[in-house]
N, C-alpha and C. Protein backbone atom coordinates (compact mmCIF):
# COMPACT_ATOMS: atom_id res chain seq x y z
N MET A 1 -98.17 -56.93 51.32
CA MET A 1 -97.22 -55.86 51.01
C MET A 1 -95.81 -56.29 51.40
N THR A 2 -94.85 -55.98 50.57
CA THR A 2 -93.47 -56.34 50.85
C THR A 2 -92.96 -55.56 52.04
N SER A 3 -92.30 -56.21 52.96
CA SER A 3 -91.76 -55.51 54.12
C SER A 3 -90.55 -54.69 53.71
N PRO A 4 -90.30 -53.55 54.40
CA PRO A 4 -89.17 -52.70 54.04
C PRO A 4 -87.86 -53.46 54.09
N ARG A 5 -87.02 -53.17 53.11
CA ARG A 5 -85.72 -53.83 53.05
C ARG A 5 -84.74 -52.96 53.83
N SER A 6 -84.60 -53.22 55.13
CA SER A 6 -83.79 -52.38 55.99
C SER A 6 -82.50 -53.08 56.36
N LEU A 7 -81.49 -52.30 56.50
CA LEU A 7 -80.19 -52.81 56.92
C LEU A 7 -80.08 -52.70 58.43
N PRO A 8 -79.34 -53.58 59.07
CA PRO A 8 -79.09 -53.41 60.50
C PRO A 8 -78.34 -52.11 60.73
N SER A 9 -78.69 -51.43 61.81
CA SER A 9 -78.09 -50.12 62.07
C SER A 9 -76.58 -50.24 62.26
N PRO A 10 -75.80 -49.51 61.42
CA PRO A 10 -74.34 -49.60 61.52
C PRO A 10 -73.74 -48.41 62.25
N GLU A 11 -74.47 -47.81 63.18
CA GLU A 11 -74.01 -46.57 63.79
C GLU A 11 -72.68 -46.71 64.51
N GLN A 12 -72.40 -47.90 65.02
CA GLN A 12 -71.14 -48.06 65.74
C GLN A 12 -69.94 -47.93 64.81
N SER A 13 -70.09 -48.31 63.55
CA SER A 13 -69.00 -48.20 62.58
C SER A 13 -69.51 -47.50 61.33
N PHE A 14 -70.14 -46.35 61.52
CA PHE A 14 -70.82 -45.65 60.44
C PHE A 14 -69.83 -45.06 59.44
N ASP A 15 -70.00 -45.42 58.16
CA ASP A 15 -69.22 -44.85 57.08
C ASP A 15 -70.13 -43.89 56.31
N ALA A 16 -69.97 -42.61 56.56
CA ALA A 16 -70.88 -41.61 55.99
C ALA A 16 -70.85 -41.60 54.47
N THR A 17 -69.73 -42.04 53.89
CA THR A 17 -69.62 -42.01 52.43
C THR A 17 -70.46 -43.09 51.76
N ALA A 18 -70.93 -44.06 52.54
CA ALA A 18 -71.69 -45.18 51.96
C ALA A 18 -73.20 -44.96 52.01
N TYR A 19 -73.63 -43.87 52.64
CA TYR A 19 -75.06 -43.64 52.82
C TYR A 19 -75.40 -42.18 52.50
N CYS A 20 -76.69 -41.94 52.28
CA CYS A 20 -77.14 -40.55 52.07
C CYS A 20 -78.51 -40.39 52.70
N SER A 21 -78.97 -39.15 52.79
CA SER A 21 -80.29 -38.88 53.36
C SER A 21 -81.37 -39.12 52.30
N THR A 22 -82.61 -39.09 52.74
CA THR A 22 -83.74 -39.27 51.81
C THR A 22 -83.75 -38.15 50.78
N ARG A 23 -83.51 -36.91 51.23
CA ARG A 23 -83.50 -35.77 50.30
C ARG A 23 -82.38 -35.91 49.27
N GLN A 24 -81.20 -36.35 49.71
CA GLN A 24 -80.09 -36.54 48.78
C GLN A 24 -80.41 -37.67 47.79
N ALA A 25 -81.04 -38.73 48.27
CA ALA A 25 -81.41 -39.84 47.38
C ALA A 25 -82.42 -39.37 46.33
N ALA A 26 -83.36 -38.53 46.74
CA ALA A 26 -84.34 -37.99 45.79
C ALA A 26 -83.66 -37.19 44.69
N ALA A 27 -82.65 -36.40 45.08
CA ALA A 27 -81.92 -35.60 44.09
C ALA A 27 -81.11 -36.50 43.15
N LEU A 28 -80.48 -37.54 43.69
CA LEU A 28 -79.69 -38.45 42.86
C LEU A 28 -80.56 -39.22 41.87
N LEU A 29 -81.77 -39.56 42.30
CA LEU A 29 -82.64 -40.39 41.48
C LEU A 29 -83.61 -39.58 40.63
N GLY A 30 -83.68 -38.26 40.89
CA GLY A 30 -84.57 -37.41 40.11
C GLY A 30 -86.04 -37.66 40.39
N VAL A 31 -86.36 -38.03 41.63
CA VAL A 31 -87.75 -38.29 41.99
C VAL A 31 -88.10 -37.48 43.24
N SER A 32 -89.35 -37.55 43.65
CA SER A 32 -89.78 -36.80 44.82
C SER A 32 -89.33 -37.47 46.11
N HIS A 33 -89.33 -36.69 47.20
CA HIS A 33 -88.98 -37.19 48.53
C HIS A 33 -89.90 -38.35 48.91
N ARG A 34 -91.20 -38.20 48.61
CA ARG A 34 -92.17 -39.23 48.94
C ARG A 34 -91.91 -40.52 48.18
N THR A 35 -91.48 -40.40 46.92
CA THR A 35 -91.20 -41.59 46.11
C THR A 35 -90.07 -42.39 46.74
N VAL A 36 -89.02 -41.72 47.22
CA VAL A 36 -87.92 -42.42 47.88
C VAL A 36 -88.43 -43.15 49.12
N GLN A 37 -89.28 -42.49 49.89
CA GLN A 37 -89.84 -43.15 51.08
C GLN A 37 -90.60 -44.42 50.71
N LEU A 38 -91.39 -44.33 49.63
CA LEU A 38 -92.17 -45.50 49.20
C LEU A 38 -91.26 -46.61 48.70
N TRP A 39 -90.17 -46.24 48.02
CA TRP A 39 -89.24 -47.26 47.53
C TRP A 39 -88.54 -47.96 48.69
N VAL A 40 -88.24 -47.24 49.77
CA VAL A 40 -87.64 -47.86 50.95
C VAL A 40 -88.65 -48.81 51.59
N GLU A 41 -89.89 -48.35 51.70
CA GLU A 41 -90.93 -49.17 52.33
C GLU A 41 -91.22 -50.43 51.52
N SER A 42 -91.07 -50.35 50.19
CA SER A 42 -91.35 -51.51 49.35
C SER A 42 -90.15 -52.44 49.19
N GLY A 43 -88.97 -52.01 49.69
CA GLY A 43 -87.78 -52.82 49.58
C GLY A 43 -86.95 -52.55 48.35
N THR A 44 -87.34 -51.57 47.54
CA THR A 44 -86.57 -51.24 46.34
C THR A 44 -85.21 -50.66 46.71
N LEU A 45 -85.16 -49.85 47.77
CA LEU A 45 -83.92 -49.27 48.26
C LEU A 45 -83.64 -49.78 49.67
N GLU A 46 -82.37 -49.97 49.98
CA GLU A 46 -81.97 -50.43 51.30
C GLU A 46 -81.71 -49.23 52.20
N ALA A 47 -82.21 -49.30 53.43
CA ALA A 47 -82.05 -48.16 54.33
C ALA A 47 -82.09 -48.62 55.79
N TRP A 48 -81.64 -47.73 56.67
CA TRP A 48 -81.76 -47.94 58.11
C TRP A 48 -82.02 -46.59 58.75
N LYS A 49 -82.46 -46.61 60.00
CA LYS A 49 -82.76 -45.37 60.70
C LYS A 49 -81.78 -45.15 61.84
N THR A 50 -81.37 -43.90 61.98
CA THR A 50 -80.48 -43.54 63.08
C THR A 50 -81.28 -43.52 64.38
N ALA A 51 -80.56 -43.38 65.49
CA ALA A 51 -81.23 -43.31 66.79
C ALA A 51 -82.17 -42.12 66.86
N GLY A 52 -81.86 -41.08 66.06
CA GLY A 52 -82.71 -39.90 66.04
C GLY A 52 -83.88 -40.01 65.08
N GLY A 53 -84.01 -41.17 64.42
CA GLY A 53 -85.13 -41.38 63.53
C GLY A 53 -84.91 -40.94 62.09
N HIS A 54 -83.68 -40.55 61.75
CA HIS A 54 -83.39 -40.12 60.38
C HIS A 54 -83.02 -41.33 59.52
N ARG A 55 -83.59 -41.37 58.35
CA ARG A 55 -83.36 -42.49 57.44
C ARG A 55 -82.05 -42.29 56.68
N ARG A 56 -81.25 -43.34 56.59
CA ARG A 56 -80.02 -43.33 55.81
C ARG A 56 -80.10 -44.43 54.77
N ILE A 57 -79.87 -44.06 53.52
CA ILE A 57 -80.08 -44.96 52.39
C ILE A 57 -78.73 -45.37 51.81
N ALA A 58 -78.56 -46.64 51.56
CA ALA A 58 -77.30 -47.16 51.03
C ALA A 58 -77.09 -46.70 49.59
N LEU A 59 -75.96 -46.05 49.34
CA LEU A 59 -75.65 -45.58 47.99
C LEU A 59 -75.52 -46.75 47.02
N SER A 60 -75.08 -47.89 47.51
CA SER A 60 -74.94 -49.06 46.64
C SER A 60 -76.29 -49.50 46.09
N SER A 61 -77.36 -49.38 46.90
CA SER A 61 -78.68 -49.78 46.42
C SER A 61 -79.21 -48.75 45.42
N ILE A 62 -78.83 -47.47 45.60
CA ILE A 62 -79.21 -46.44 44.62
C ILE A 62 -78.53 -46.71 43.30
N GLU A 63 -77.24 -47.04 43.34
CA GLU A 63 -76.49 -47.32 42.12
C GLU A 63 -77.08 -48.52 41.38
N ARG A 64 -77.46 -49.56 42.12
CA ARG A 64 -78.06 -50.73 41.48
C ARG A 64 -79.40 -50.38 40.84
N HIS A 65 -80.17 -49.55 41.54
CA HIS A 65 -81.48 -49.16 41.00
C HIS A 65 -81.32 -48.31 39.73
N VAL A 66 -80.35 -47.40 39.73
CA VAL A 66 -80.11 -46.57 38.55
C VAL A 66 -79.72 -47.43 37.36
N GLU A 67 -78.86 -48.41 37.59
CA GLU A 67 -78.42 -49.28 36.50
C GLU A 67 -79.59 -50.11 35.96
N ARG A 68 -80.42 -50.62 36.86
CA ARG A 68 -81.60 -51.39 36.42
C ARG A 68 -82.54 -50.51 35.61
N ARG A 69 -82.70 -49.27 36.07
CA ARG A 69 -83.61 -48.34 35.41
C ARG A 69 -83.11 -47.98 34.01
N ARG A 70 -81.83 -47.72 33.88
CA ARG A 70 -81.28 -47.36 32.57
C ARG A 70 -81.38 -48.53 31.59
N GLN A 71 -81.12 -49.74 32.10
CA GLN A 71 -81.22 -50.90 31.23
C GLN A 71 -82.66 -51.13 30.80
N ALA A 72 -83.59 -50.93 31.74
CA ALA A 72 -85.01 -51.10 31.42
C ALA A 72 -85.45 -50.09 30.38
N MET A 73 -84.93 -48.87 30.49
CA MET A 73 -85.31 -47.85 29.51
C MET A 73 -84.80 -48.21 28.12
N LEU A 74 -83.57 -48.67 28.04
CA LEU A 74 -83.01 -49.06 26.75
C LEU A 74 -83.74 -50.26 26.17
N ASP A 75 -84.08 -51.23 27.03
CA ASP A 75 -84.80 -52.42 26.56
C ASP A 75 -86.19 -52.05 26.08
N ARG A 76 -86.87 -51.22 26.87
CA ARG A 76 -88.23 -50.82 26.53
C ARG A 76 -88.27 -49.93 25.30
N ALA A 77 -87.18 -49.15 25.14
CA ALA A 77 -87.19 -48.14 24.08
C ALA A 77 -86.60 -48.63 22.77
N ALA A 78 -86.28 -49.94 22.68
CA ALA A 78 -85.63 -50.43 21.47
C ALA A 78 -86.36 -50.03 20.19
N PRO A 79 -87.72 -50.17 20.11
CA PRO A 79 -88.40 -49.78 18.88
C PRO A 79 -88.96 -48.37 18.94
N THR A 80 -88.63 -47.62 20.00
CA THR A 80 -89.31 -46.36 20.27
C THR A 80 -88.32 -45.21 20.46
N ARG A 81 -88.77 -44.02 20.10
CA ARG A 81 -88.03 -42.81 20.46
C ARG A 81 -88.96 -41.93 21.28
N TYR A 82 -88.40 -41.36 22.33
CA TYR A 82 -89.17 -40.51 23.22
C TYR A 82 -89.01 -39.04 22.80
N ARG A 83 -90.11 -38.33 22.71
CA ARG A 83 -90.08 -36.91 22.39
C ARG A 83 -90.07 -36.11 23.68
N VAL A 84 -89.06 -35.25 23.80
CA VAL A 84 -88.88 -34.43 25.00
C VAL A 84 -88.99 -32.95 24.60
N LEU A 85 -89.94 -32.24 25.20
CA LEU A 85 -90.09 -30.81 24.95
C LEU A 85 -89.42 -30.03 26.07
N VAL A 86 -88.45 -29.18 25.73
CA VAL A 86 -87.79 -28.33 26.71
C VAL A 86 -88.22 -26.89 26.48
N VAL A 87 -88.57 -26.20 27.57
CA VAL A 87 -89.10 -24.84 27.46
C VAL A 87 -88.31 -23.92 28.38
N ASP A 88 -87.74 -22.87 27.80
CA ASP A 88 -87.04 -21.86 28.59
C ASP A 88 -86.83 -20.63 27.72
N ASP A 89 -86.90 -19.44 28.33
CA ASP A 89 -86.73 -18.21 27.55
C ASP A 89 -85.27 -17.80 27.42
N ASP A 90 -84.37 -18.60 28.02
CA ASP A 90 -82.95 -18.31 27.95
C ASP A 90 -82.30 -19.22 26.89
N PRO A 91 -81.78 -18.66 25.80
CA PRO A 91 -81.17 -19.49 24.74
C PRO A 91 -80.05 -20.38 25.25
N ALA A 92 -79.26 -19.88 26.22
CA ALA A 92 -78.16 -20.69 26.75
C ALA A 92 -78.68 -21.93 27.49
N THR A 93 -79.79 -21.75 28.21
CA THR A 93 -80.38 -22.89 28.92
C THR A 93 -80.93 -23.91 27.93
N LEU A 94 -81.59 -23.44 26.87
CA LEU A 94 -82.09 -24.35 25.84
C LEU A 94 -80.94 -25.12 25.18
N ALA A 95 -79.84 -24.42 24.94
CA ALA A 95 -78.67 -25.07 24.34
C ALA A 95 -78.10 -26.13 25.28
N MET A 96 -78.11 -25.83 26.59
CA MET A 96 -77.62 -26.79 27.58
C MET A 96 -78.48 -28.05 27.56
N TYR A 97 -79.82 -27.86 27.53
CA TYR A 97 -80.72 -29.01 27.47
C TYR A 97 -80.41 -29.84 26.22
N ASP A 98 -80.33 -29.17 25.10
CA ASP A 98 -80.10 -29.85 23.82
C ASP A 98 -78.81 -30.65 23.84
N ALA A 99 -77.74 -30.01 24.34
CA ALA A 99 -76.43 -30.66 24.35
C ALA A 99 -76.44 -31.91 25.23
N ASN A 100 -77.05 -31.80 26.41
CA ASN A 100 -77.05 -32.94 27.33
C ASN A 100 -77.98 -34.05 26.86
N LEU A 101 -79.18 -33.70 26.46
CA LEU A 101 -80.15 -34.72 26.07
C LEU A 101 -79.71 -35.52 24.85
N THR A 102 -78.95 -34.88 23.96
CA THR A 102 -78.54 -35.57 22.74
C THR A 102 -77.23 -36.35 22.90
N ARG A 103 -76.46 -36.07 23.94
CA ARG A 103 -75.16 -36.76 24.07
C ARG A 103 -75.21 -37.99 24.96
N TRP A 104 -76.36 -38.26 25.58
CA TRP A 104 -76.44 -39.39 26.50
C TRP A 104 -76.61 -40.73 25.81
N GLY A 105 -76.89 -40.73 24.53
CA GLY A 105 -77.08 -41.99 23.82
C GLY A 105 -78.42 -42.63 24.08
N LEU A 106 -79.37 -41.87 24.61
CA LEU A 106 -80.71 -42.39 24.86
C LEU A 106 -81.61 -42.09 23.66
N PRO A 107 -82.67 -42.86 23.47
CA PRO A 107 -83.55 -42.67 22.30
C PRO A 107 -84.48 -41.47 22.48
N LEU A 108 -83.92 -40.26 22.41
CA LEU A 108 -84.67 -39.04 22.66
C LEU A 108 -84.67 -38.14 21.43
N ASP A 109 -85.81 -37.56 21.12
CA ASP A 109 -85.92 -36.51 20.12
C ASP A 109 -86.30 -35.23 20.85
N VAL A 110 -85.45 -34.21 20.76
CA VAL A 110 -85.63 -32.99 21.54
C VAL A 110 -86.37 -31.94 20.71
N VAL A 111 -87.43 -31.39 21.31
CA VAL A 111 -88.19 -30.29 20.72
C VAL A 111 -88.02 -29.09 21.64
N ARG A 112 -87.78 -27.91 21.08
CA ARG A 112 -87.50 -26.74 21.91
C ARG A 112 -88.59 -25.68 21.76
N ALA A 113 -88.82 -24.94 22.84
CA ALA A 113 -89.74 -23.81 22.83
C ALA A 113 -89.17 -22.73 23.73
N SER A 114 -89.29 -21.47 23.32
CA SER A 114 -88.69 -20.36 24.07
C SER A 114 -89.69 -19.60 24.94
N ASN A 115 -90.98 -19.98 24.88
CA ASN A 115 -91.97 -19.34 25.74
C ASN A 115 -93.18 -20.25 25.87
N GLY A 116 -94.11 -19.84 26.73
CA GLY A 116 -95.27 -20.68 27.00
C GLY A 116 -96.19 -20.88 25.81
N PHE A 117 -96.41 -19.82 25.03
CA PHE A 117 -97.27 -19.96 23.86
C PHE A 117 -96.68 -20.95 22.86
N GLU A 118 -95.38 -20.82 22.61
CA GLU A 118 -94.72 -21.74 21.68
C GLU A 118 -94.78 -23.17 22.23
N ALA A 119 -94.66 -23.31 23.55
CA ALA A 119 -94.73 -24.63 24.16
C ALA A 119 -96.08 -25.29 23.89
N LEU A 120 -97.16 -24.52 24.01
CA LEU A 120 -98.49 -25.06 23.75
C LEU A 120 -98.63 -25.52 22.30
N ILE A 121 -98.05 -24.75 21.37
CA ILE A 121 -98.09 -25.12 19.97
C ILE A 121 -97.32 -26.43 19.75
N ARG A 122 -96.11 -26.51 20.34
CA ARG A 122 -95.27 -27.70 20.17
C ARG A 122 -95.94 -28.94 20.80
N ILE A 123 -96.63 -28.74 21.91
CA ILE A 123 -97.33 -29.87 22.54
C ILE A 123 -98.39 -30.42 21.59
N GLY A 124 -99.13 -29.50 20.95
CA GLY A 124 -100.14 -29.94 20.00
C GLY A 124 -99.56 -30.60 18.77
N GLU A 125 -98.39 -30.12 18.33
CA GLU A 125 -97.76 -30.66 17.12
C GLU A 125 -97.10 -32.03 17.36
N SER A 126 -96.34 -32.10 18.45
CA SER A 126 -95.48 -33.28 18.63
C SER A 126 -95.95 -34.27 19.69
N ARG A 127 -96.91 -33.87 20.54
CA ARG A 127 -97.39 -34.73 21.61
C ARG A 127 -96.21 -35.38 22.35
N PRO A 128 -95.41 -34.56 23.02
CA PRO A 128 -94.21 -35.09 23.69
C PRO A 128 -94.54 -36.05 24.82
N HIS A 129 -93.59 -36.95 25.08
CA HIS A 129 -93.72 -37.86 26.21
C HIS A 129 -93.33 -37.15 27.51
N LEU A 130 -92.45 -36.15 27.40
CA LEU A 130 -91.93 -35.46 28.58
C LEU A 130 -91.82 -33.97 28.33
N LEU A 131 -92.25 -33.18 29.30
CA LEU A 131 -92.10 -31.72 29.27
C LEU A 131 -91.14 -31.31 30.36
N ILE A 132 -90.10 -30.55 30.00
CA ILE A 132 -89.16 -29.99 30.97
C ILE A 132 -89.26 -28.48 30.88
N GLY A 133 -89.59 -27.82 31.98
CA GLY A 133 -89.72 -26.37 31.91
C GLY A 133 -89.85 -25.72 33.27
N ASP A 134 -89.79 -24.40 33.25
CA ASP A 134 -89.92 -23.59 34.45
C ASP A 134 -91.39 -23.28 34.69
N LEU A 135 -91.72 -22.87 35.91
CA LEU A 135 -93.08 -22.43 36.19
C LEU A 135 -93.30 -21.00 35.73
N SER A 136 -92.20 -20.25 35.59
CA SER A 136 -92.29 -18.85 35.16
C SER A 136 -91.87 -18.77 33.70
N MET A 137 -92.87 -18.81 32.81
CA MET A 137 -92.60 -18.77 31.37
C MET A 137 -93.30 -17.57 30.76
N PRO A 138 -92.63 -16.82 29.90
CA PRO A 138 -93.27 -15.68 29.25
C PRO A 138 -94.53 -16.08 28.51
N GLY A 139 -95.62 -15.38 28.81
CA GLY A 139 -96.87 -15.60 28.07
C GLY A 139 -97.82 -16.58 28.69
N VAL A 140 -97.32 -17.51 29.51
CA VAL A 140 -98.19 -18.55 30.08
C VAL A 140 -97.76 -18.85 31.51
N ASP A 141 -98.72 -19.03 32.39
CA ASP A 141 -98.47 -19.45 33.76
C ASP A 141 -98.13 -20.94 33.71
N GLY A 142 -96.87 -21.29 34.04
CA GLY A 142 -96.43 -22.68 33.93
C GLY A 142 -97.24 -23.64 34.78
N LEU A 143 -97.56 -23.22 36.01
CA LEU A 143 -98.33 -24.09 36.90
C LEU A 143 -99.73 -24.31 36.35
N ARG A 144 -100.35 -23.26 35.82
CA ARG A 144 -101.68 -23.41 35.23
C ARG A 144 -101.62 -24.34 34.02
N MET A 145 -100.56 -24.21 33.22
CA MET A 145 -100.44 -25.07 32.06
C MET A 145 -100.34 -26.54 32.48
N ILE A 146 -99.57 -26.82 33.53
CA ILE A 146 -99.42 -28.20 34.02
C ILE A 146 -100.77 -28.73 34.50
N ARG A 147 -101.50 -27.90 35.24
CA ARG A 147 -102.81 -28.32 35.72
C ARG A 147 -103.76 -28.61 34.56
N THR A 148 -103.69 -27.76 33.53
CA THR A 148 -104.55 -27.96 32.35
C THR A 148 -104.21 -29.26 31.64
N LEU A 149 -102.91 -29.53 31.51
CA LEU A 149 -102.48 -30.78 30.87
C LEU A 149 -102.94 -31.99 31.67
N ARG A 150 -102.82 -31.90 32.99
CA ARG A 150 -103.24 -33.00 33.85
C ARG A 150 -104.75 -33.25 33.77
N ALA A 151 -105.51 -32.18 33.50
CA ALA A 151 -106.96 -32.31 33.42
C ALA A 151 -107.43 -32.79 32.04
N SER A 152 -106.51 -32.81 31.08
CA SER A 152 -106.85 -33.19 29.72
C SER A 152 -106.67 -34.69 29.52
N GLU A 153 -107.66 -35.35 28.98
CA GLU A 153 -107.56 -36.78 28.72
C GLU A 153 -106.44 -37.08 27.74
N ALA A 154 -106.20 -36.16 26.80
CA ALA A 154 -105.20 -36.38 25.76
C ALA A 154 -103.78 -36.24 26.29
N TYR A 155 -103.58 -35.43 27.35
CA TYR A 155 -102.22 -35.12 27.79
C TYR A 155 -101.94 -35.46 29.25
N ARG A 156 -102.89 -36.06 29.94
CA ARG A 156 -102.69 -36.29 31.37
C ARG A 156 -101.54 -37.24 31.68
N ASP A 157 -101.16 -38.09 30.70
CA ASP A 157 -100.08 -39.04 30.94
C ASP A 157 -98.71 -38.48 30.57
N MET A 158 -98.67 -37.24 30.09
CA MET A 158 -97.38 -36.63 29.77
C MET A 158 -96.57 -36.42 31.05
N ALA A 159 -95.33 -36.89 31.04
CA ALA A 159 -94.46 -36.70 32.20
C ALA A 159 -93.97 -35.25 32.23
N VAL A 160 -93.74 -34.75 33.45
CA VAL A 160 -93.32 -33.35 33.61
C VAL A 160 -92.16 -33.30 34.61
N VAL A 161 -91.15 -32.52 34.28
CA VAL A 161 -90.06 -32.20 35.21
C VAL A 161 -89.95 -30.69 35.27
N VAL A 162 -90.02 -30.14 36.47
CA VAL A 162 -89.91 -28.69 36.66
C VAL A 162 -88.47 -28.33 37.03
N VAL A 163 -87.94 -27.33 36.34
CA VAL A 163 -86.62 -26.78 36.66
C VAL A 163 -86.83 -25.32 37.02
N SER A 164 -86.51 -24.96 38.26
CA SER A 164 -86.88 -23.62 38.72
C SER A 164 -85.87 -23.05 39.69
N GLY A 165 -85.81 -21.74 39.75
CA GLY A 165 -84.96 -21.06 40.73
C GLY A 165 -85.67 -20.87 42.06
N LEU A 166 -86.95 -21.19 42.12
CA LEU A 166 -87.71 -21.07 43.35
C LEU A 166 -87.37 -22.21 44.31
N ASP A 167 -87.57 -21.97 45.59
CA ASP A 167 -87.38 -23.01 46.59
C ASP A 167 -88.44 -24.09 46.40
N PRO A 168 -88.04 -25.38 46.46
CA PRO A 168 -89.01 -26.47 46.25
C PRO A 168 -90.22 -26.38 47.18
N ASP A 169 -90.02 -26.00 48.45
CA ASP A 169 -91.15 -25.89 49.37
C ASP A 169 -92.13 -24.81 48.93
N THR A 170 -91.59 -23.72 48.39
CA THR A 170 -92.44 -22.65 47.87
C THR A 170 -93.26 -23.16 46.69
N ILE A 171 -92.62 -23.94 45.84
CA ILE A 171 -93.31 -24.49 44.67
C ILE A 171 -94.42 -25.44 45.11
N ARG A 172 -94.15 -26.28 46.10
CA ARG A 172 -95.17 -27.20 46.59
C ARG A 172 -96.35 -26.40 47.17
N ALA A 173 -96.03 -25.32 47.88
CA ALA A 173 -97.09 -24.49 48.47
C ALA A 173 -97.96 -23.86 47.40
N MET A 174 -97.40 -23.68 46.21
CA MET A 174 -98.16 -23.13 45.09
C MET A 174 -99.15 -24.13 44.52
N GLY A 175 -98.97 -25.41 44.88
CA GLY A 175 -99.92 -26.42 44.43
C GLY A 175 -99.41 -27.35 43.36
N LEU A 176 -98.09 -27.40 43.16
CA LEU A 176 -97.56 -28.34 42.17
C LEU A 176 -97.81 -29.76 42.66
N PRO A 177 -98.30 -30.64 41.79
CA PRO A 177 -98.55 -32.03 42.21
C PRO A 177 -97.30 -32.68 42.82
N GLU A 178 -97.52 -33.47 43.84
CA GLU A 178 -96.44 -34.08 44.60
C GLU A 178 -95.53 -34.96 43.77
N ASP A 179 -96.07 -35.60 42.73
CA ASP A 179 -95.29 -36.57 41.97
C ASP A 179 -94.38 -35.93 40.92
N ILE A 180 -94.48 -34.61 40.74
CA ILE A 180 -93.64 -33.94 39.74
C ILE A 180 -92.32 -33.54 40.38
N PRO A 181 -91.18 -34.04 39.89
CA PRO A 181 -89.89 -33.68 40.47
C PRO A 181 -89.52 -32.23 40.16
N VAL A 182 -88.81 -31.60 41.09
CA VAL A 182 -88.36 -30.22 40.94
C VAL A 182 -86.85 -30.19 41.02
N LEU A 183 -86.20 -29.68 39.98
CA LEU A 183 -84.75 -29.52 39.96
C LEU A 183 -84.41 -28.04 40.10
N ALA A 184 -83.37 -27.76 40.87
CA ALA A 184 -82.98 -26.37 41.09
C ALA A 184 -82.11 -25.85 39.95
N LYS A 185 -82.34 -24.61 39.58
CA LYS A 185 -81.48 -23.94 38.60
C LYS A 185 -80.26 -23.38 39.31
N PRO A 186 -79.08 -23.45 38.69
CA PRO A 186 -78.78 -24.15 37.43
C PRO A 186 -78.73 -25.66 37.67
N VAL A 187 -79.35 -26.40 36.78
CA VAL A 187 -79.50 -27.84 36.99
C VAL A 187 -78.21 -28.58 36.64
N ALA A 188 -77.84 -29.53 37.50
CA ALA A 188 -76.67 -30.36 37.24
C ALA A 188 -77.01 -31.41 36.19
N PRO A 189 -76.14 -31.67 35.21
CA PRO A 189 -76.44 -32.66 34.16
C PRO A 189 -76.82 -34.03 34.70
N ASP A 190 -76.13 -34.50 35.76
CA ASP A 190 -76.44 -35.82 36.30
C ASP A 190 -77.86 -35.85 36.88
N ALA A 191 -78.25 -34.76 37.57
CA ALA A 191 -79.60 -34.69 38.14
C ALA A 191 -80.64 -34.62 37.03
N LEU A 192 -80.32 -33.91 35.96
CA LEU A 192 -81.24 -33.81 34.83
C LEU A 192 -81.44 -35.18 34.19
N ARG A 193 -80.35 -35.89 33.98
CA ARG A 193 -80.46 -37.22 33.35
C ARG A 193 -81.28 -38.16 34.23
N ALA A 194 -81.02 -38.14 35.52
CA ALA A 194 -81.76 -39.02 36.42
C ALA A 194 -83.25 -38.71 36.37
N ALA A 195 -83.60 -37.41 36.35
CA ALA A 195 -85.01 -37.02 36.31
C ALA A 195 -85.66 -37.42 35.00
N VAL A 196 -84.93 -37.27 33.89
CA VAL A 196 -85.47 -37.63 32.58
C VAL A 196 -85.72 -39.14 32.52
N GLU A 197 -84.76 -39.93 32.95
CA GLU A 197 -84.92 -41.39 32.92
C GLU A 197 -86.08 -41.83 33.80
N ALA A 198 -86.15 -41.26 35.01
CA ALA A 198 -87.21 -41.64 35.94
C ALA A 198 -88.58 -41.26 35.40
N ALA A 199 -88.67 -40.05 34.82
CA ALA A 199 -89.96 -39.58 34.32
C ALA A 199 -90.45 -40.43 33.15
N LEU A 200 -89.55 -40.78 32.25
CA LEU A 200 -89.95 -41.55 31.08
C LEU A 200 -90.31 -42.99 31.42
N LEU A 201 -89.79 -43.49 32.54
CA LEU A 201 -90.16 -44.82 32.99
C LEU A 201 -91.36 -44.80 33.93
N GLY A 202 -91.85 -43.58 34.22
CA GLY A 202 -93.03 -43.45 35.08
C GLY A 202 -92.77 -43.64 36.55
N GLU A 203 -91.51 -43.63 36.98
CA GLU A 203 -91.21 -43.93 38.38
C GLU A 203 -91.71 -42.89 39.38
N PRO A 204 -91.72 -41.57 39.03
CA PRO A 204 -92.17 -40.61 40.04
C PRO A 204 -93.67 -40.61 40.24
N CYS A 205 -94.43 -41.28 39.39
CA CYS A 205 -95.88 -41.15 39.42
C CYS A 205 -96.48 -42.03 40.50
N LEU A 206 -96.18 -41.71 41.76
CA LEU A 206 -96.71 -42.43 42.89
C LEU A 206 -97.56 -41.46 43.72
N GLU A 207 -98.60 -41.98 44.34
CA GLU A 207 -99.48 -41.12 45.12
C GLU A 207 -98.78 -40.64 46.38
N ARG A 208 -99.31 -39.54 46.94
CA ARG A 208 -98.73 -38.99 48.17
C ARG A 208 -98.84 -40.02 49.28
C-alpha cells in the first residue's frame, strides 16, 4: 500500500490560505469526507496534521487533482456523451441545473424530470449515467428509489448526487450510502460541477 503523502508540519509559519480542512476539501472536490481521507492515505492529496490531530490539506494538491480529473474526463469522453438526469419539483432549480450543465463544455446530455414518477420513466427511457436529485420528491421516496436502483443489476452502476436542504448528518442517519455525495441547497455551481465530474469518473465510489 502506498504510504500517505504527508507534508512536514508547517505550524510555525502556517499560512491558512494555503490549506483547508477535510470537510472543506470534500466540498471542493464533490466527494464524501471518507473519500478525502482515503485519498490522503493513498498519497493522492498532500496533507499534514496539527498538534491537535486535525488534518490540513494543501489546496495546491486539490487544484492539481481537479485539473487531472477534468483532463481525464475529457480524454475518456472523447467518443462518448454522458446522460445526466436532474430531478426537482422546482422549475427554477431545473433551469439552474440545465444552464450550468450545458455551459461547462463537458460532453453531457441533460434529461429533466419534475417528480419521482417522471424520474423513473426517464431512467427507463434514457438509462442515465448520473442522477442528480433530492431525497424529497413528489410521488416517490428518493432514498427508497436510490436503494432500489442500487439493488438492480441494470442500474446499480448509475452514479448519484444528492442535493438537499437537510443536514448531511441527518441524511446519513437515514441510511444514504456513504459513497453518495450530498450537496446543500442552494447548491453552488462550482460544487455542482466538482460533484458531477467526480461522479462520472467514479471517484466517490469507495468503501467506508
